Each structure stands twice: as C-alpha cells, then as structure tokens.
Amino acid sequence: MMSSTNRPGPRAMLPLVRCAIYTRKSTEEGLEQEFNSLDAQRESAEAFVRSQQHEGWTVRPERYDDGGFTGGNMERPALQRLLADIAAGKIDAAVVYKVECAR
C-alpha cells in the first residue's frame, strides 16, 4: 500500500500559450477557391499548435490573413493587426508556415 507521502502530486498547470496564426500569399491568384493557400497554411499551423498542446499551446480564433500582399515590406493589414495584438498582450506566440528572408 502506498502512503500519501509517496504519491505524486497533481500535475502542475502549464501556463497558457496563446498562439496567433499568420498567413500570407503574395498574389491574389487562387484566393477565390473554397480551400486556398492561406487555408492550407492555417491548417498546417493549427496542426503544429495541436502538437504542442502538452506545453499549453492554444490557437487564438482571430485570423491574420494577408492575401495579395508582398512579403517585401511590412505594409500588410493583417500583419499590422497581429503586431498590435502582440503589443497589447493578447498573443504570446505567432505561428507562420515559413519565413523567407530576402538576400
């Protein structure tokens, strides 16, 4: 028989990591489709966040989608909303499909 002093304690609550998903496509081509590149990026990012649920990660419901905006500058409406929400403390992590760097 195990004494109460030998029992492991309750699992510590993990801090919640509020994740925003940012998607972007440089052209508007194909965005009219029922399931488009932005949807595919979001689906992939959601799967990644789900894989981290054991760490307390959760997806915020807001969508940050910039369809038809170049990645060459920061003048993108959804990106600006995302940055504002980060600054306001509403988001702990931003998840993107991939990061491309200009050379």
C-alpha atoms as a PDB file:
ATOM      1  CA  MET A   1       0.000   0.000   0.000  1.00  0.00           C
ATOM      2  CA  MET A   2       1.295   3.441  -0.943  1.00  0.00           C
ATOM      3  CA  SER A   3       1.281   6.121   1.681  1.00  0.00           C
ATOM      4  CA  SER A   4       0.012   9.553   0.772  1.00  0.00           C
ATOM      5  CA  THR A   5       3.566  10.897   1.029  1.00  0.00           C
ATOM      6  CA  ASN A   6       4.718   8.629  -1.819  1.00  0.00           C
ATOM      7  CA  ARG A   7       2.018   9.665  -4.268  1.00  0.00           C
ATOM      8  CA  PRO A   8       2.969  12.099  -6.953  1.00  0.00           C
ATOM      9  CA  GLY A   9       1.311  15.482  -6.589  1.00  0.00           C
ATOM     10  CA  PRO A  10      -1.250  16.798  -9.066  1.00  0.00           C
ATOM     11  CA  ARG A  11       0.256  17.755 -12.365  1.00  0.00           C
ATOM     12  CA  ALA A  12       1.265  21.369 -12.301  1.00  0.00           C
ATOM     13  CA  MET A  13      -0.856  23.577 -14.502  1.00  0.00           C
ATOM     14  CA  LEU A  14       1.069  24.736 -17.549  1.00  0.00           C
ATOM     15  CA  PRO A  15       0.888  28.391 -18.460  1.00  0.00           C
ATOM     16  CA  LEU A  16      -1.389  29.013 -21.423  1.00  0.00           C
ATOM     17  CA  VAL A  17       0.476  29.999 -24.589  1.00  0.00           C
ATOM     18  CA  ARG A  18      -1.935  31.979 -26.769  1.00  0.00           C
ATOM     19  CA  CYS A  19      -0.891  31.433 -30.385  1.00  0.00           C
ATOM     20  CA  ALA A  20      -1.873  33.549 -33.373  1.00  0.00           C
ATOM     21  CA  ILE A  21      -1.507  32.138 -36.858  1.00  0.00           C
ATOM     22  CA  TYR A  22      -0.293  34.493 -39.580  1.00  0.00           C
ATOM     23  CA  THR A  23      -0.707  33.553 -43.255  1.00  0.00           C
ATOM     24  CA  ARG A  24       0.370  35.398 -46.393  1.00  0.00           C
ATOM     25  CA  LYS A  25       0.314  34.930 -50.146  1.00  0.00           C
ATOM     26  CA  SER A  26       1.914  37.483 -52.430  1.00  0.00           C
ATOM     27  CA  THR A  27      -0.708  37.260 -55.176  1.00  0.00           C
ATOM     28  CA  GLU A  28      -4.479  37.047 -55.154  1.00  0.00           C
ATOM     29  CA  GLU A  29      -4.382  34.174 -57.651  1.00  0.00           C
ATOM     30  CA  GLY A  30      -6.366  31.212 -56.319  1.00  0.00           C
ATOM     31  CA  LEU A  31      -7.676  33.003 -53.229  1.00  0.00           C
ATOM     32  CA  GLU A  32     -11.223  32.749 -54.566  1.00  0.00           C
ATOM     33  CA  GLN A  33     -11.094  28.947 -54.248  1.00  0.00           C
ATOM     34  CA  GLU A  34     -13.043  27.349 -51.426  1.00  0.00           C
ATOM     35  CA  PHE A  35      -9.787  25.980 -49.952  1.00  0.00           C
ATOM     36  CA  ASN A  36      -6.784  28.104 -50.858  1.00  0.00           C
ATOM     37  CA  SER A  37      -3.137  28.591 -49.931  1.00  0.00           C
ATOM     38  CA  LEU A  38      -3.993  30.672 -46.856  1.00  0.00           C
ATOM     39  CA  ASP A  39      -6.303  27.899 -45.638  1.00  0.00           C
ATOM     40  CA  ALA A  40      -3.589  25.290 -46.210  1.00  0.00           C
ATOM     41  CA  GLN A  41      -1.058  27.383 -44.281  1.00  0.00           C
ATOM     42  CA  ARG A  42      -3.503  27.830 -41.412  1.00  0.00           C
ATOM     43  CA  GLU A  43      -4.342  24.119 -41.340  1.00  0.00           C
ATOM     44  CA  SER A  44      -0.648  23.251 -41.128  1.00  0.00           C
ATOM     45  CA  ALA A  45      -0.038  25.804 -38.357  1.00  0.00           C
ATOM     46  CA  GLU A  46      -3.083  24.595 -36.392  1.00  0.00           C
ATOM     47  CA  ALA A  47      -1.728  21.044 -36.563  1.00  0.00           C
ATOM     48  CA  PHE A  48       1.604  22.264 -35.218  1.00  0.00           C
ATOM     49  CA  VAL A  49      -0.066  24.097 -32.336  1.00  0.00           C
ATOM     50  CA  ARG A  50      -2.121  20.974 -31.546  1.00  0.00           C
ATOM     51  CA  SER A  51       1.141  19.018 -31.394  1.00  0.00           C
ATOM     52  CA  GLN A  52       2.247  21.403 -28.641  1.00  0.00           C
ATOM     53  CA  GLN A  53      -0.936  21.222 -26.531  1.00  0.00           C
ATOM     54  CA  HIS A  54       1.017  19.315 -23.886  1.00  0.00           C
ATOM     55  CA  GLU A  55       3.007  22.551 -23.452  1.00  0.00           C
ATOM     56  CA  GLY A  56      -0.139  24.647 -23.003  1.00  0.00           C
ATOM     57  CA  TRP A  57      -0.327  25.996 -26.569  1.00  0.00           C
ATOM     58  CA  THR A  58      -3.733  27.046 -27.880  1.00  0.00           C
ATOM     59  CA  VAL A  59      -4.844  28.762 -31.113  1.00  0.00           C
ATOM     60  CA  ARG A  60      -6.482  32.165 -30.912  1.00  0.00           C
ATOM     61  CA  PRO A  61      -9.599  32.270 -33.128  1.00  0.00           C
ATOM     62  CA  GLU A  62      -8.718  35.553 -34.864  1.00  0.00           C
ATOM     63  CA  ARG A  63      -7.456  35.207 -38.421  1.00  0.00           C
ATOM     64  CA  TYR A  64      -4.434  37.148 -39.576  1.00  0.00           C
ATOM     65  CA  ASP A  65      -4.503  36.531 -43.338  1.00  0.00           C
ATOM     66  CA  ASP A  66      -2.769  38.752 -45.891  1.00  0.00           C
ATOM     67  CA  GLY A  67      -3.750  37.553 -49.358  1.00  0.00           C
ATOM     68  CA  GLY A  68      -2.251  39.522 -52.222  1.00  0.00           C
ATOM     69  CA  PHE A  69       0.439  41.304 -50.192  1.00  0.00           C
ATOM     70  CA  THR A  70       4.159  41.133 -50.835  1.00  0.00           C
ATOM     71  CA  GLY A  71       6.495  39.944 -48.134  1.00  0.00           C
ATOM     72  CA  GLY A  72       8.966  42.637 -49.188  1.00  0.00           C
ATOM     73  CA  ASN A  73       7.663  45.167 -46.706  1.00  0.00           C
ATOM     74  CA  MET A  74       5.635  45.485 -43.513  1.00  0.00           C
ATOM     75  CA  GLU A  75       2.688  47.261 -45.181  1.00  0.00           C
ATOM     76  CA  ARG A  76       0.237  44.420 -44.674  1.00  0.00           C
ATOM     77  CA  PRO A  77      -3.066  44.939 -42.808  1.00  0.00           C
ATOM     78  CA  ALA A  78      -3.207  41.568 -41.034  1.00  0.00           C
ATOM     79  CA  LEU A  79       0.450  41.781 -40.039  1.00  0.00           C
ATOM     80  CA  GLN A  80      -0.154  45.219 -38.538  1.00  0.00           C
ATOM     81  CA  ARG A  81      -3.163  43.881 -36.573  1.00  0.00           C
ATOM     82  CA  LEU A  82      -1.045  40.951 -35.388  1.00  0.00           C
ATOM     83  CA  LEU A  83       1.762  43.235 -34.212  1.00  0.00           C
ATOM     84  CA  ALA A  84      -0.758  45.473 -32.420  1.00  0.00           C
ATOM     85  CA  ASP A  85      -2.305  42.464 -30.664  1.00  0.00           C
ATOM     86  CA  ILE A  86       1.149  41.261 -29.607  1.00  0.00           C
ATOM     87  CA  ALA A  87       1.944  44.722 -28.237  1.00  0.00           C
ATOM     88  CA  ALA A  88      -1.412  44.729 -26.393  1.00  0.00           C
ATOM     89  CA  GLY A  89      -0.507  41.440 -24.690  1.00  0.00           C
ATOM     90  CA  LYS A  90      -3.236  39.404 -26.381  1.00  0.00           C
ATOM     91  CA  ILE A  91      -0.812  36.957 -28.015  1.00  0.00           C
ATOM     92  CA  ASP A  92       2.133  35.006 -26.628  1.00  0.00           C
ATOM     93  CA  ALA A  93       3.404  33.392 -29.854  1.00  0.00           C
ATOM     94  CA  ALA A  94       2.976  33.913 -33.588  1.00  0.00           C
ATOM     95  CA  VAL A  95       2.999  30.814 -35.791  1.00  0.00           C
ATOM     96  CA  VAL A  96       3.795  31.071 -39.505  1.00  0.00           C
ATOM     97  CA  TYR A  97       4.083  28.462 -42.236  1.00  0.00           C
ATOM     98  CA  LYS A  98       7.594  29.519 -43.212  1.00  0.00           C
ATOM     99  CA  VAL A  99       9.825  32.547 -43.021  1.00  0.00           C
ATOM    100  CA  GLU A 100      11.518  33.763 -46.165  1.00  0.00           C
ATOM    101  CA  CYS A 101      14.423  36.175 -45.981  1.00  0.00           C
ATOM    102  CA  ALA A 102      15.445  38.439 -48.823  1.00  0.00           C
ATOM    103  CA  ARG A 103      19.101  38.284 -49.736  1.00  0.00           C
END
